[in-house]
Amino acid sequence: MRIRQLVCTDNFAGVERHVATTSVELARRGHDVTVFGGDAAAMHTELAGSTVRFVDAPGAAAALRLSRRGPRPDLVHAHMTGSDLVAIATRPLLRAPIVSTLHFAQRRGHDRLTRAAWSVVPRLVDAEIAISRFVASTAGGEPAVIPNGVPAPTAANGRRPRHDVVLVAQRLESEKCTALALGAFAASGLADEGWELHVAGAGSERAHLEHEATRIGIAEATRFLGRVDDLDRRMADAALLIATAPAEPFGLSVVEAMAAGLPVVAADGGAHRETIGPATPEALFPPGDVDAAAALLRRFADDPDARTDLAARGHRRFVASFTIEHHVDAIEEFYTGVVARSGHRRG
């Protein structure tokens, strides 16, 4: 099948990373895949060694202008609203069915007027996917739920974690509540025993978080790493991951930690209840509760055997439900059904 993946941004966060890893696995299975958009340097790195084509389309206008690039697809898969618009606008040219994935736990549009305008999108695409039951229940409509998948990290094979690192791996934006991770680390007292908090990720809140680390007295024990290209190694080196978002749509870094055998402490909300929650419910804390999160960090920092048990149960759940192979199995089946229902025939 010839597949066009539209992401139409100049960024490389969770959505773009998901598009890249899924495209590589689709190409490995023999599909002809072209990706439009995403940070060019990061996409080239992620797609290296595969047969996936990349078109540098950093925005909807660029994607429209470059829409004739690459072969005419059998199916267009759009990710996020800007890409939905591009897919709909180019349908008369490409004459291919459209799949749209809902990556966020909110309806399209930011206010009543734009939500009304975007409400027509589901009628203009052939099928919708939600990345979690939480997203499906929040975004509206009747999307099929197909959880994301992640590749097994190579660094996990040689995992020798330091027993003094708590890792945060997420965008530094308000909805992720990263300040709670700082507060919990401070309240746990682990910094006084030589532990460090490593914060991997970029975003608009970095300066505020650095100031907060100083204010609560953990600046010397906190390392802000920025966006990292070696997250699998960082996970292999850490003792715990803390995920603080109260309404996480999916949480790729949590599932990557599960894949890496890294124990996870997470907010009991959003899709955390679908990913790590069923495997290790005792490691969930009420969203926004600094003291409860601190108590869990303290508990598992003091008990290496408990961390090993958390990691093993999380990894088993990853293998059973969230590998990239599981995800692409479901995506292939979904694509086949959409193409068959649309009556589309390849040239």
C-alpha atoms as a PDB file:
ATOM      1  CA  MET A   1       0.000   0.000   0.000  1.00  0.00           C
ATOM      2  CA  ARG A   2       1.180   3.549  -0.741  1.00  0.00           C
ATOM      3  CA  ILE A   3       0.675   5.581   2.462  1.00  0.00           C
ATOM      4  CA  ARG A   4       1.083   9.308   3.008  1.00  0.00           C
ATOM      5  CA  GLN A   5       1.589  10.357   6.638  1.00  0.00           C
ATOM      6  CA  LEU A   6       0.801  14.037   7.284  1.00  0.00           C
ATOM      7  CA  VAL A   7       2.035  15.717  10.449  1.00  0.00           C
ATOM      8  CA  CYS A   8       2.681  19.208   8.980  1.00  0.00           C
ATOM      9  CA  THR A   9       4.738  20.803  11.779  1.00  0.00           C
ATOM     10  CA  ASP A  10       8.335  21.893  12.287  1.00  0.00           C
ATOM     11  CA  ASN A  11       8.415  20.201  15.691  1.00  0.00           C
ATOM     12  CA  PHE A  12       9.559  16.826  16.995  1.00  0.00           C
ATOM     13  CA  ALA A  13       7.567  15.851  20.072  1.00  0.00           C
ATOM     14  CA  GLY A  14       5.390  12.843  20.842  1.00  0.00           C
ATOM     15  CA  VAL A  15       3.169  12.995  17.743  1.00  0.00           C
ATOM     16  CA  GLU A  16       6.055  13.403  15.317  1.00  0.00           C
ATOM     17  CA  ARG A  17       8.039  10.649  17.019  1.00  0.00           C
ATOM     18  CA  HIS A  18       5.017   8.339  16.817  1.00  0.00           C
ATOM     19  CA  VAL A  19       4.632   9.085  13.087  1.00  0.00           C
ATOM     20  CA  ALA A  20       8.312   8.351  12.479  1.00  0.00           C
ATOM     21  CA  THR A  21       8.457   5.021  14.321  1.00  0.00           C
ATOM     22  CA  THR A  22       5.161   3.815  12.851  1.00  0.00           C
ATOM     23  CA  SER A  23       6.279   4.771   9.348  1.00  0.00           C
ATOM     24  CA  VAL A  24       9.557   2.890   9.716  1.00  0.00           C
ATOM     25  CA  GLU A  25       7.718  -0.277  10.776  1.00  0.00           C
ATOM     26  CA  LEU A  26       5.180   0.072   7.935  1.00  0.00           C
ATOM     27  CA  ALA A  27       8.051   0.446   5.468  1.00  0.00           C
ATOM     28  CA  ARG A  28       9.817  -2.578   6.946  1.00  0.00           C
ATOM     29  CA  ARG A  29       6.702  -4.588   6.125  1.00  0.00           C
ATOM     30  CA  GLY A  30       6.875  -3.537   2.486  1.00  0.00           C
ATOM     31  CA  HIS A  31       4.579  -0.502   2.352  1.00  0.00           C
ATOM     32  CA  ASP A  32       5.585   2.599   0.381  1.00  0.00           C
ATOM     33  CA  VAL A  33       5.496   5.406   2.969  1.00  0.00           C
ATOM     34  CA  THR A  34       6.003   9.157   2.604  1.00  0.00           C
ATOM     35  CA  VAL A  35       6.045  11.475   5.642  1.00  0.00           C
ATOM     36  CA  PHE A  36       5.167  15.164   5.273  1.00  0.00           C
ATOM     37  CA  GLY A  37       6.360  17.395   8.117  1.00  0.00           C
ATOM     38  CA  GLY A  38       8.150  17.277  11.435  1.00  0.00           C
ATOM     39  CA  ASP A  39      11.504  18.793  12.343  1.00  0.00           C
ATOM     40  CA  ALA A  40      13.688  17.955   9.351  1.00  0.00           C
ATOM     41  CA  ALA A  41      16.888  17.088  11.226  1.00  0.00           C
ATOM     42  CA  ALA A  42      15.098  14.891  13.768  1.00  0.00           C
ATOM     43  CA  MET A  43      12.994  13.188  11.097  1.00  0.00           C
ATOM     44  CA  HIS A  44      16.047  12.398   8.974  1.00  0.00           C
ATOM     45  CA  THR A  45      17.677  10.849  12.038  1.00  0.00           C
ATOM     46  CA  GLU A  46      14.596   8.775  12.950  1.00  0.00           C
ATOM     47  CA  LEU A  47      13.967   7.615   9.375  1.00  0.00           C
ATOM     48  CA  ALA A  48      17.615   6.844   8.545  1.00  0.00           C
ATOM     49  CA  GLY A  49      18.151   3.339   7.237  1.00  0.00           C
ATOM     50  CA  SER A  50      14.518   2.897   6.189  1.00  0.00           C
ATOM     51  CA  THR A  51      12.849   3.331   2.803  1.00  0.00           C
ATOM     52  CA  VAL A  52      10.502   6.040   4.133  1.00  0.00           C
ATOM     53  CA  ARG A  53      10.520   9.231   2.051  1.00  0.00           C
ATOM     54  CA  PHE A  54      10.519  12.559   3.867  1.00  0.00           C
ATOM     55  CA  VAL A  55       9.081  15.825   2.586  1.00  0.00           C
ATOM     56  CA  ASP A  56      10.067  18.901   4.597  1.00  0.00           C
ATOM     57  CA  ALA A  57       6.623  20.476   5.071  1.00  0.00           C
ATOM     58  CA  PRO A  58       6.780  22.623   8.233  1.00  0.00           C
ATOM     59  CA  GLY A  59       3.145  23.690   8.282  1.00  0.00           C
ATOM     60  CA  ALA A  60      -0.137  23.310   6.441  1.00  0.00           C
ATOM     61  CA  ALA A  61       0.747  25.892   3.762  1.00  0.00           C
ATOM     62  CA  ALA A  62       3.987  24.094   2.904  1.00  0.00           C
ATOM     63  CA  ALA A  63       2.244  20.726   2.815  1.00  0.00           C
ATOM     64  CA  LEU A  64      -0.379  22.087   0.418  1.00  0.00           C
ATOM     65  CA  ARG A  65       2.300  23.599  -1.820  1.00  0.00           C
ATOM     66  CA  LEU A  66       4.268  20.341  -1.874  1.00  0.00           C
ATOM     67  CA  SER A  67       1.277  18.003  -2.156  1.00  0.00           C
ATOM     68  CA  ARG A  68       2.359  16.686  -5.551  1.00  0.00           C
ATOM     69  CA  ARG A  69       5.622  15.369  -4.096  1.00  0.00           C
ATOM     70  CA  GLY A  70       5.926  11.615  -3.855  1.00  0.00           C
ATOM     71  CA  PRO A  71       3.700   8.959  -5.396  1.00  0.00           C
ATOM     72  CA  ARG A  72      -0.074   9.296  -5.376  1.00  0.00           C
ATOM     73  CA  PRO A  73      -1.123   7.480  -2.190  1.00  0.00           C
ATOM     74  CA  ASP A  74      -3.659   4.740  -1.666  1.00  0.00           C
ATOM     75  CA  LEU A  75      -4.401   6.263   1.745  1.00  0.00           C
ATOM     76  CA  VAL A  76      -3.653   9.539   3.540  1.00  0.00           C
ATOM     77  CA  HIS A  77      -3.190   9.458   7.319  1.00  0.00           C
ATOM     78  CA  ALA A  78      -3.470  12.881   8.970  1.00  0.00           C
ATOM     79  CA  HIS A  79      -2.214  13.692  12.472  1.00  0.00           C
ATOM     80  CA  MET A  80      -3.555  16.830  14.213  1.00  0.00           C
ATOM     81  CA  THR A  81      -6.025  19.370  12.883  1.00  0.00           C
ATOM     82  CA  GLY A  82      -3.742  21.253  10.484  1.00  0.00           C
ATOM     83  CA  SER A  83      -2.956  17.987   8.749  1.00  0.00           C
ATOM     84  CA  ASP A  84      -6.661  17.137   8.607  1.00  0.00           C
ATOM     85  CA  LEU A  85      -7.202  20.343   6.645  1.00  0.00           C
ATOM     86  CA  VAL A  86      -4.399  19.524   4.221  1.00  0.00           C
ATOM     87  CA  ALA A  87      -5.749  16.016   3.681  1.00  0.00           C
ATOM     88  CA  ILE A  88      -9.262  17.319   2.997  1.00  0.00           C
ATOM     89  CA  ALA A  89      -8.031  20.118   0.709  1.00  0.00           C
ATOM     90  CA  THR A  90      -5.884  17.762  -1.386  1.00  0.00           C
ATOM     91  CA  ARG A  91      -8.453  14.990  -1.675  1.00  0.00           C
ATOM     92  CA  PRO A  92      -9.638  16.079  -5.164  1.00  0.00           C
ATOM     93  CA  LEU A  93      -6.008  15.851  -6.325  1.00  0.00           C
ATOM     94  CA  LEU A  94      -4.991  12.630  -4.588  1.00  0.00           C
ATOM     95  CA  ARG A  95      -8.353  10.802  -4.686  1.00  0.00           C
ATOM     96  CA  ALA A  96      -7.406   8.689  -1.663  1.00  0.00           C
ATOM     97  CA  PRO A  97      -9.338   7.883   1.522  1.00  0.00           C
ATOM     98  CA  ILE A  98      -8.378   9.821   4.653  1.00  0.00           C
ATOM     99  CA  VAL A  99      -7.709   8.520   8.164  1.00  0.00           C
ATOM    100  CA  SER A 100      -7.397  11.070  10.973  1.00  0.00           C
ATOM    101  CA  THR A 101      -5.802  10.297  14.337  1.00  0.00           C
ATOM    102  CA  LEU A 102      -6.904  12.142  17.475  1.00  0.00           C
ATOM    103  CA  HIS A 103      -3.806  12.644  19.624  1.00  0.00           C
ATOM    104  CA  PHE A 104      -5.208  15.034  22.234  1.00  0.00           C
ATOM    105  CA  ALA A 105      -7.862  14.696  24.901  1.00  0.00           C
ATOM    106  CA  GLN A 106      -9.973  17.603  23.696  1.00  0.00           C
ATOM    107  CA  ARG A 107     -12.356  18.461  20.927  1.00  0.00           C
ATOM    108  CA  ARG A 108     -10.952  20.120  17.827  1.00  0.00           C
ATOM    109  CA  GLY A 109     -10.817  23.891  18.245  1.00  0.00           C
ATOM    110  CA  HIS A 110     -10.057  26.127  21.219  1.00  0.00           C
ATOM    111  CA  ASP A 111     -13.385  27.928  21.654  1.00  0.00           C
ATOM    112  CA  ARG A 112     -17.058  27.492  20.804  1.00  0.00           C
ATOM    113  CA  LEU A 113     -16.752  29.088  17.350  1.00  0.00           C
ATOM    114  CA  THR A 114     -13.768  27.075  16.170  1.00  0.00           C
ATOM    115  CA  ARG A 115     -15.184  23.881  17.679  1.00  0.00           C
ATOM    116  CA  ALA A 116     -18.312  24.441  15.624  1.00  0.00           C
ATOM    117  CA  ALA A 117     -16.184  24.934  12.500  1.00  0.00           C
ATOM    118  CA  TRP A 118     -14.069  21.845  13.150  1.00  0.00           C
ATOM    119  CA  SER A 119     -17.117  19.702  13.915  1.00  0.00           C
ATOM    120  CA  VAL A 120     -17.471  19.018  10.181  1.00  0.00           C
ATOM    121  CA  VAL A 121     -14.061  17.307   9.978  1.00  0.00           C
ATOM    122  CA  PRO A 122     -15.279  13.820  11.001  1.00  0.00           C
ATOM    123  CA  ARG A 123     -17.782  13.937   8.126  1.00  0.00           C
ATOM    124  CA  LEU A 124     -15.049  14.802   5.627  1.00  0.00           C
ATOM    125  CA  VAL A 125     -12.652  11.991   6.535  1.00  0.00           C
ATOM    126  CA  ASP A 126     -13.220   8.275   6.065  1.00  0.00           C
ATOM    127  CA  ALA A 127     -12.289   7.133   9.571  1.00  0.00           C
ATOM    128  CA  GLU A 128     -10.897   8.378  12.881  1.00  0.00           C
ATOM    129  CA  ILE A 129      -8.523   6.773  15.363  1.00  0.00           C
ATOM    130  CA  ALA A 130      -8.049   7.719  19.022  1.00  0.00           C
ATOM    131  CA  ILE A 131      -4.756   6.819  20.698  1.00  0.00           C
ATOM    132  CA  SER A 132      -6.462   5.835  23.982  1.00  0.00           C
ATOM    133  CA  ARG A 133      -9.894   5.258  25.444  1.00  0.00           C
ATOM    134  CA  PHE A 134      -9.362   8.459  27.414  1.00  0.00           C
ATOM    135  CA  VAL A 135      -8.915  10.469  24.206  1.00  0.00           C
ATOM    136  CA  ALA A 136     -11.906   8.761  22.594  1.00  0.00           C
ATOM    137  CA  SER A 137     -14.123   9.624  25.553  1.00  0.00           C
ATOM    138  CA  THR A 138     -12.998  13.256  25.589  1.00  0.00           C
ATOM    139  CA  ALA A 139     -12.650  14.180  21.912  1.00  0.00           C
ATOM    140  CA  GLY A 140     -16.147  13.205  20.826  1.00  0.00           C
ATOM    141  CA  GLY A 141     -17.327  11.187  17.866  1.00  0.00           C
ATOM    142  CA  GLU A 142     -16.871   7.453  17.554  1.00  0.00           C
ATOM    143  CA  PRO A 143     -13.193   6.884  16.729  1.00  0.00           C
ATOM    144  CA  ALA A 144     -11.614   3.463  16.758  1.00  0.00           C
ATOM    145  CA  VAL A 145      -9.216   3.104  19.685  1.00  0.00           C
ATOM    146  CA  ILE A 146      -5.754   1.949  18.600  1.00  0.00           C
ATOM    147  CA  PRO A 147      -3.117   2.530  21.297  1.00  0.00           C
ATOM    148  CA  ASN A 148       0.287   3.748  20.198  1.00  0.00           C
ATOM    149  CA  GLY A 149       3.237   1.401  20.190  1.00  0.00           C
ATOM    150  CA  VAL A 150       6.962   1.934  20.696  1.00  0.00           C
ATOM    151  CA  PRO A 151      10.034  -0.027  19.607  1.00  0.00           C
ATOM    152  CA  ALA A 152      11.964  -1.980  22.205  1.00  0.00           C
ATOM    153  CA  PRO A 153      15.017   0.146  23.094  1.00  0.00           C
ATOM    154  CA  THR A 154      18.430  -1.318  22.361  1.00  0.00           C
ATOM    155  CA  ALA A 155      19.901   0.196  25.526  1.00  0.00           C
ATOM    156  CA  ALA A 156      17.514  -1.837  27.677  1.00  0.00           C
ATOM    157  CA  ASN A 157      19.485  -4.991  26.876  1.00  0.00           C
ATOM    158  CA  GLY A 158      22.405  -3.683  28.915  1.00  0.00           C
ATOM    159  CA  ARG A 159      20.422  -1.892  31.608  1.00  0.00           C
ATOM    160  CA  ARG A 160      22.593  -1.071  34.627  1.00  0.00           C
ATOM    161  CA  PRO A 161      20.707   1.733  36.354  1.00  0.00           C
ATOM    162  CA  ARG A 162      22.226   4.175  38.754  1.00  0.00           C
ATOM    163  CA  HIS A 163      20.314   3.893  41.999  1.00  0.00           C
ATOM    164  CA  ASP A 164      20.294   7.645  42.517  1.00  0.00           C
ATOM    165  CA  VAL A 165      18.478   9.128  39.494  1.00  0.00           C
ATOM    166  CA  VAL A 166      14.794   9.987  39.126  1.00  0.00           C
ATOM    167  CA  LEU A 167      13.973  10.817  35.505  1.00  0.00           C
ATOM    168  CA  VAL A 168      11.309  13.093  34.033  1.00  0.00           C
ATOM    169  CA  ALA A 169      10.810  12.820  30.248  1.00  0.00           C
ATOM    170  CA  GLN A 170       8.103  15.085  28.854  1.00  0.00           C
ATOM    171  CA  ARG A 171       7.446  18.441  27.235  1.00  0.00           C
ATOM    172  CA  LEU A 172       7.910  21.304  29.660  1.00  0.00           C
ATOM    173  CA  GLU A 173       4.430  22.750  29.194  1.00  0.00           C
ATOM    174  CA  SER A 174       1.761  23.533  31.754  1.00  0.00           C
ATOM    175  CA  GLU A 175      -0.449  20.523  31.004  1.00  0.00           C
ATOM    176  CA  LYS A 176       2.381  18.170  31.991  1.00  0.00           C
ATOM    177  CA  CYS A 177       2.616  19.602  35.551  1.00  0.00           C
ATOM    178  CA  THR A 178       6.388  19.149  35.713  1.00  0.00           C
ATOM    179  CA  ALA A 179       6.577  21.424  38.757  1.00  0.00           C
ATOM    180  CA  LEU A 180       4.900  18.628  40.701  1.00  0.00           C
ATOM    181  CA  ALA A 181       7.875  16.363  39.939  1.00  0.00           C
ATOM    182  CA  LEU A 182      10.221  18.991  41.390  1.00  0.00           C
ATOM    183  CA  GLY A 183       8.048  19.428  44.474  1.00  0.00           C
ATOM    184  CA  ALA A 184       7.737  15.689  45.030  1.00  0.00           C
ATOM    185  CA  PHE A 185      11.488  15.166  44.637  1.00  0.00           C
ATOM    186  CA  ALA A 186      12.156  17.954  47.158  1.00  0.00           C
ATOM    187  CA  ALA A 187       9.576  16.619  49.624  1.00  0.00           C
ATOM    188  CA  SER A 188      10.938  13.065  49.362  1.00  0.00           C
ATOM    189  CA  GLY A 189      14.279  14.120  50.857  1.00  0.00           C
ATOM    190  CA  LEU A 190      16.172  12.126  48.247  1.00  0.00           C
ATOM    191  CA  ALA A 191      18.344  15.094  47.277  1.00  0.00           C
ATOM    192  CA  ASP A 192      19.825  15.056  50.785  1.00  0.00           C
ATOM    193  CA  GLU A 193      20.961  11.476  50.179  1.00  0.00           C
ATOM    194  CA  GLY A 194      22.752  12.171  46.901  1.00  0.00           C
ATOM    195  CA  TRP A 195      19.915  11.417  44.480  1.00  0.00           C
ATOM    196  CA  GLU A 196      19.467  13.558  41.385  1.00  0.00           C
ATOM    197  CA  LEU A 197      16.413  14.597  39.360  1.00  0.00           C
ATOM    198  CA  HIS A 198      17.070  14.593  35.604  1.00  0.00           C
ATOM    199  CA  VAL A 199      14.538  16.508  33.501  1.00  0.00           C
ATOM    200  CA  ALA A 200      14.584  15.580  29.802  1.00  0.00           C
ATOM    201  CA  GLY A 201      12.459  17.752  27.551  1.00  0.00           C
ATOM    202  CA  ALA A 202      12.033  21.257  26.192  1.00  0.00           C
ATOM    203  CA  GLY A 203       9.230  23.773  26.407  1.00  0.00           C
ATOM    204  CA  SER A 204       8.045  27.186  27.462  1.00  0.00           C
ATOM    205  CA  GLU A 205       8.156  26.396  31.191  1.00  0.00           C
ATOM    206  CA  ARG A 206      11.868  25.599  31.426  1.00  0.00           C
ATOM    207  CA  ALA A 207      12.940  28.949  32.892  1.00  0.00           C
ATOM    208  CA  HIS A 208      10.107  28.852  35.412  1.00  0.00           C
ATOM    209  CA  LEU A 209      11.024  25.311  36.432  1.00  0.00           C
ATOM    210  CA  GLU A 210      14.687  26.204  36.849  1.00  0.00           C
ATOM    211  CA  HIS A 211      13.639  29.075  39.109  1.00  0.00           C
ATOM    212  CA  GLU A 212      11.350  26.734  41.041  1.00  0.00           C
ATOM    213  CA  ALA A 213      14.171  24.221  41.570  1.00  0.00           C
ATOM    214  CA  THR A 214      16.242  27.027  43.102  1.00  0.00           C
ATOM    215  CA  ARG A 215      13.335  28.279  45.209  1.00  0.00           C
ATOM    216  CA  ILE A 216      12.653  24.893  46.824  1.00  0.00           C
ATOM    217  CA  GLY A 217      16.326  24.092  47.350  1.00  0.00           C
ATOM    218  CA  ILE A 218      17.009  21.303  44.850  1.00  0.00           C
ATOM    219  CA  ALA A 219      18.848  23.238  42.121  1.00  0.00           C
ATOM    220  CA  GLU A 220      22.164  21.475  42.793  1.00  0.00           C
ATOM    221  CA  ALA A 221      20.476  18.071  42.565  1.00  0.00           C
ATOM    222  CA  THR A 222      18.442  18.856  39.426  1.00  0.00           C
ATOM    223  CA  ARG A 223      19.732  18.614  35.864  1.00  0.00           C
ATOM    224  CA  PHE A 224      17.731  20.122  33.012  1.00  0.00           C
ATOM    225  CA  LEU A 225      18.827  18.144  29.963  1.00  0.00           C
ATOM    226  CA  GLY A 226      16.723  19.800  27.259  1.00  0.00           C
ATOM    227  CA  ARG A 227      15.524  17.678  24.378  1.00  0.00           C
ATOM    228  CA  VAL A 228      17.677  14.551  24.238  1.00  0.00           C
ATOM    229  CA  ASP A 229      18.450  12.214  21.367  1.00  0.00           C
ATOM    230  CA  ASP A 230      19.451   9.339  23.630  1.00  0.00           C
ATOM    231  CA  LEU A 231      16.353   8.860  25.769  1.00  0.00           C
ATOM    232  CA  ASP A 232      16.743   5.076  25.739  1.00  0.00           C
ATOM    233  CA  ARG A 233      20.183   5.457  27.350  1.00  0.00           C
ATOM    234  CA  ARG A 234      18.826   7.916  29.906  1.00  0.00           C
ATOM    235  CA  MET A 235      16.139   5.402  30.791  1.00  0.00           C
ATOM    236  CA  ALA A 236      18.659   2.591  31.016  1.00  0.00           C
ATOM    237  CA  ASP A 237      20.640   4.678  33.517  1.00  0.00           C
ATOM    238  CA  ALA A 238      17.755   5.821  35.754  1.00  0.00           C
ATOM    239  CA  ALA A 239      16.205   4.156  38.787  1.00  0.00           C
ATOM    240  CA  LEU A 240      12.688   5.625  38.484  1.00  0.00           C
ATOM    241  CA  LEU A 241      10.574   7.632  36.046  1.00  0.00           C
ATOM    242  CA  ILE A 242       7.951  10.035  37.356  1.00  0.00           C
ATOM    243  CA  ALA A 243       5.103  11.061  35.021  1.00  0.00           C
ATOM    244  CA  THR A 244       3.014  13.913  36.405  1.00  0.00           C
ATOM    245  CA  ALA A 245       0.473  14.848  33.703  1.00  0.00           C
ATOM    246  CA  PRO A 246      -3.015  14.579  35.205  1.00  0.00           C
ATOM    247  CA  ALA A 247      -4.769  14.115  31.860  1.00  0.00           C
ATOM    248  CA  GLU A 248      -2.160  12.403  29.672  1.00  0.00           C
ATOM    249  CA  PRO A 249      -3.617  11.483  26.255  1.00  0.00           C
ATOM    250  CA  PHE A 250      -1.260   8.499  25.964  1.00  0.00           C
ATOM    251  CA  GLY A 251       2.241   9.071  27.375  1.00  0.00           C
ATOM    252  CA  LEU A 252       4.888   7.719  25.005  1.00  0.00           C
ATOM    253  CA  SER A 253       7.648   8.207  27.577  1.00  0.00           C
ATOM    254  CA  VAL A 254       5.752   6.069  30.104  1.00  0.00           C
ATOM    255  CA  VAL A 255       5.404   3.222  27.605  1.00  0.00           C
ATOM    256  CA  GLU A 256       9.044   3.655  26.580  1.00  0.00           C
ATOM    257  CA  ALA A 257       9.978   3.291  30.248  1.00  0.00           C
ATOM    258  CA  MET A 258       7.886   0.118  30.431  1.00  0.00           C
ATOM    259  CA  ALA A 259       9.751  -1.155  27.361  1.00  0.00           C
ATOM    260  CA  ALA A 260      13.095  -0.287  28.930  1.00  0.00           C
ATOM    261  CA  GLY A 261      12.366  -2.016  32.229  1.00  0.00           C
ATOM    262  CA  LEU A 262      12.323   1.304  34.081  1.00  0.00           C
ATOM    263  CA  PRO A 263       9.821   1.435  36.976  1.00  0.00           C
ATOM    264  CA  VAL A 264       7.242   4.224  36.706  1.00  0.00           C
ATOM    265  CA  VAL A 265       5.502   6.398  39.286  1.00  0.00           C
ATOM    266  CA  ALA A 266       2.608   8.225  37.600  1.00  0.00           C
ATOM    267  CA  ALA A 267      -0.438  10.411  38.155  1.00  0.00           C
ATOM    268  CA  ASP A 268      -3.615   8.372  38.368  1.00  0.00           C
ATOM    269  CA  GLY A 269      -5.367  10.075  35.465  1.00  0.00           C
ATOM    270  CA  GLY A 270      -5.773  10.129  31.708  1.00  0.00           C
ATOM    271  CA  ALA A 271      -4.272   7.253  29.767  1.00  0.00           C
ATOM    272  CA  HIS A 272      -1.883   6.327  32.583  1.00  0.00           C
ATOM    273  CA  ARG A 273      -4.807   4.240  33.804  1.00  0.00           C
ATOM    274  CA  GLU A 274      -4.674   2.282  30.529  1.00  0.00           C
ATOM    275  CA  THR A 275      -0.901   1.929  30.095  1.00  0.00           C
ATOM    276  CA  ILE A 276       1.015   1.471  33.338  1.00  0.00           C
ATOM    277  CA  GLY A 277      -1.953   1.541  35.735  1.00  0.00           C
ATOM    278  CA  PRO A 278      -3.237  -2.009  35.206  1.00  0.00           C
ATOM    279  CA  ALA A 279       0.267  -3.417  35.738  1.00  0.00           C
ATOM    280  CA  THR A 280       1.311  -1.442  38.820  1.00  0.00           C
ATOM    281  CA  PRO A 281      -1.681   0.325  40.407  1.00  0.00           C
ATOM    282  CA  GLU A 282       0.207   0.839  43.687  1.00  0.00           C
ATOM    283  CA  ALA A 283       2.601   3.215  41.859  1.00  0.00           C
ATOM    284  CA  LEU A 284      -0.134   5.721  40.925  1.00  0.00           C
ATOM    285  CA  PHE A 285      -0.720   8.894  42.940  1.00  0.00           C
ATOM    286  CA  PRO A 286      -3.729  11.257  42.909  1.00  0.00           C
ATOM    287  CA  PRO A 287      -3.169  13.947  40.233  1.00  0.00           C
ATOM    288  CA  GLY A 288      -1.691  17.095  41.741  1.00  0.00           C
ATOM    289  CA  ASP A 289      -0.854  15.479  45.086  1.00  0.00           C
ATOM    290  CA  VAL A 290       2.778  16.384  45.802  1.00  0.00           C
ATOM    291  CA  ASP A 291       2.921  14.575  49.139  1.00  0.00           C
ATOM    292  CA  ALA A 292       1.540  11.316  47.705  1.00  0.00           C
ATOM    293  CA  ALA A 293       4.001  11.460  44.806  1.00  0.00           C
ATOM    294  CA  ALA A 294       6.854  12.158  47.239  1.00  0.00           C
ATOM    295  CA  ALA A 295       5.833   9.187  49.389  1.00  0.00           C
ATOM    296  CA  LEU A 296       5.936   6.875  46.372  1.00  0.00           C
ATOM    297  CA  LEU A 297       9.359   8.164  45.302  1.00  0.00           C
ATOM    298  CA  ARG A 298      10.622   7.599  48.852  1.00  0.00           C
ATOM    299  CA  ARG A 299       9.053   4.139  49.062  1.00  0.00           C
ATOM    300  CA  PHE A 300      10.532   2.836  45.839  1.00  0.00           C
ATOM    301  CA  ALA A 301      13.867   4.603  46.227  1.00  0.00           C
ATOM    302  CA  ASP A 302      14.317   2.735  49.515  1.00  0.00           C
ATOM    303  CA  ASP A 303      13.302  -0.659  48.095  1.00  0.00           C
ATOM    304  CA  PRO A 304      15.320  -1.935  45.108  1.00  0.00           C
ATOM    305  CA  ASP A 305      13.406  -5.226  45.110  1.00  0.00           C
ATOM    306  CA  ALA A 306      10.105  -3.355  44.774  1.00  0.00           C
ATOM    307  CA  ARG A 307      11.549  -1.359  41.870  1.00  0.00           C
ATOM    308  CA  THR A 308      12.590  -4.572  40.174  1.00  0.00           C
ATOM    309  CA  ASP A 309       9.094  -5.959  40.591  1.00  0.00           C
ATOM    310  CA  LEU A 310       7.479  -2.777  39.208  1.00  0.00           C
ATOM    311  CA  ALA A 311       9.807  -2.860  36.220  1.00  0.00           C
ATOM    312  CA  ALA A 312       9.085  -6.518  35.463  1.00  0.00           C
ATOM    313  CA  ARG A 313       5.306  -6.071  35.598  1.00  0.00           C
ATOM    314  CA  GLY A 314       5.485  -2.932  33.470  1.00  0.00           C
ATOM    315  CA  HIS A 315       7.645  -4.673  30.903  1.00  0.00           C
ATOM    316  CA  ARG A 316       5.269  -7.630  30.675  1.00  0.00           C
ATOM    317  CA  ARG A 317       2.403  -5.252  29.995  1.00  0.00           C
ATOM    318  CA  PHE A 318       4.444  -3.497  27.297  1.00  0.00           C
ATOM    319  CA  VAL A 319       5.176  -6.796  25.564  1.00  0.00           C
ATOM    320  CA  ALA A 320       1.524  -7.826  25.717  1.00  0.00           C
ATOM    321  CA  SER A 321      -0.027  -4.572  24.510  1.00  0.00           C
ATOM    322  CA  PHE A 322       2.229  -1.727  23.403  1.00  0.00           C
ATOM    323  CA  THR A 323       4.974  -2.930  21.078  1.00  0.00           C
ATOM    324  CA  ILE A 324       5.332  -1.202  17.718  1.00  0.00           C
ATOM    325  CA  GLU A 325       4.488  -4.554  16.129  1.00  0.00           C
ATOM    326  CA  HIS A 326       1.128  -4.730  17.964  1.00  0.00           C
ATOM    327  CA  HIS A 327       0.350  -1.178  16.910  1.00  0.00           C
ATOM    328  CA  VAL A 328       1.183  -1.646  13.253  1.00  0.00           C
ATOM    329  CA  ASP A 329      -0.705  -4.955  13.101  1.00  0.00           C
ATOM    330  CA  ALA A 330      -3.810  -3.007  14.129  1.00  0.00           C
ATOM    331  CA  ILE A 331      -3.040  -0.082  11.807  1.00  0.00           C
ATOM    332  CA  GLU A 332      -2.588  -2.369   8.782  1.00  0.00           C
ATOM    333  CA  GLU A 333      -5.905  -4.059   9.456  1.00  0.00           C
ATOM    334  CA  PHE A 334      -7.584  -0.678   9.912  1.00  0.00           C
ATOM    335  CA  TYR A 335      -6.099   0.726   6.692  1.00  0.00           C
ATOM    336  CA  THR A 336      -7.244  -2.323   4.735  1.00  0.00           C
ATOM    337  CA  GLY A 337     -10.794  -1.895   5.974  1.00  0.00           C
ATOM    338  CA  VAL A 338     -10.848   1.843   5.176  1.00  0.00           C
ATOM    339  CA  VAL A 339      -9.562   1.315   1.648  1.00  0.00           C
ATOM    340  CA  ALA A 340     -12.037  -1.502   1.028  1.00  0.00           C
ATOM    341  CA  ARG A 341     -14.977   0.565   2.285  1.00  0.00           C
ATOM    342  CA  SER A 342     -13.972   3.599   0.257  1.00  0.00           C
ATOM    343  CA  GLY A 343     -13.995   1.628  -2.974  1.00  0.00           C
ATOM    344  CA  HIS A 344     -10.594   3.099  -3.755  1.00  0.00           C
ATOM    345  CA  ARG A 345      -8.497   1.174  -6.231  1.00  0.00           C
ATOM    346  CA  ARG A 346      -4.768   1.586  -6.646  1.00  0.00           C
ATOM    347  CA  GLY A 347      -3.548   2.764 -10.055  1.00  0.00           C
END
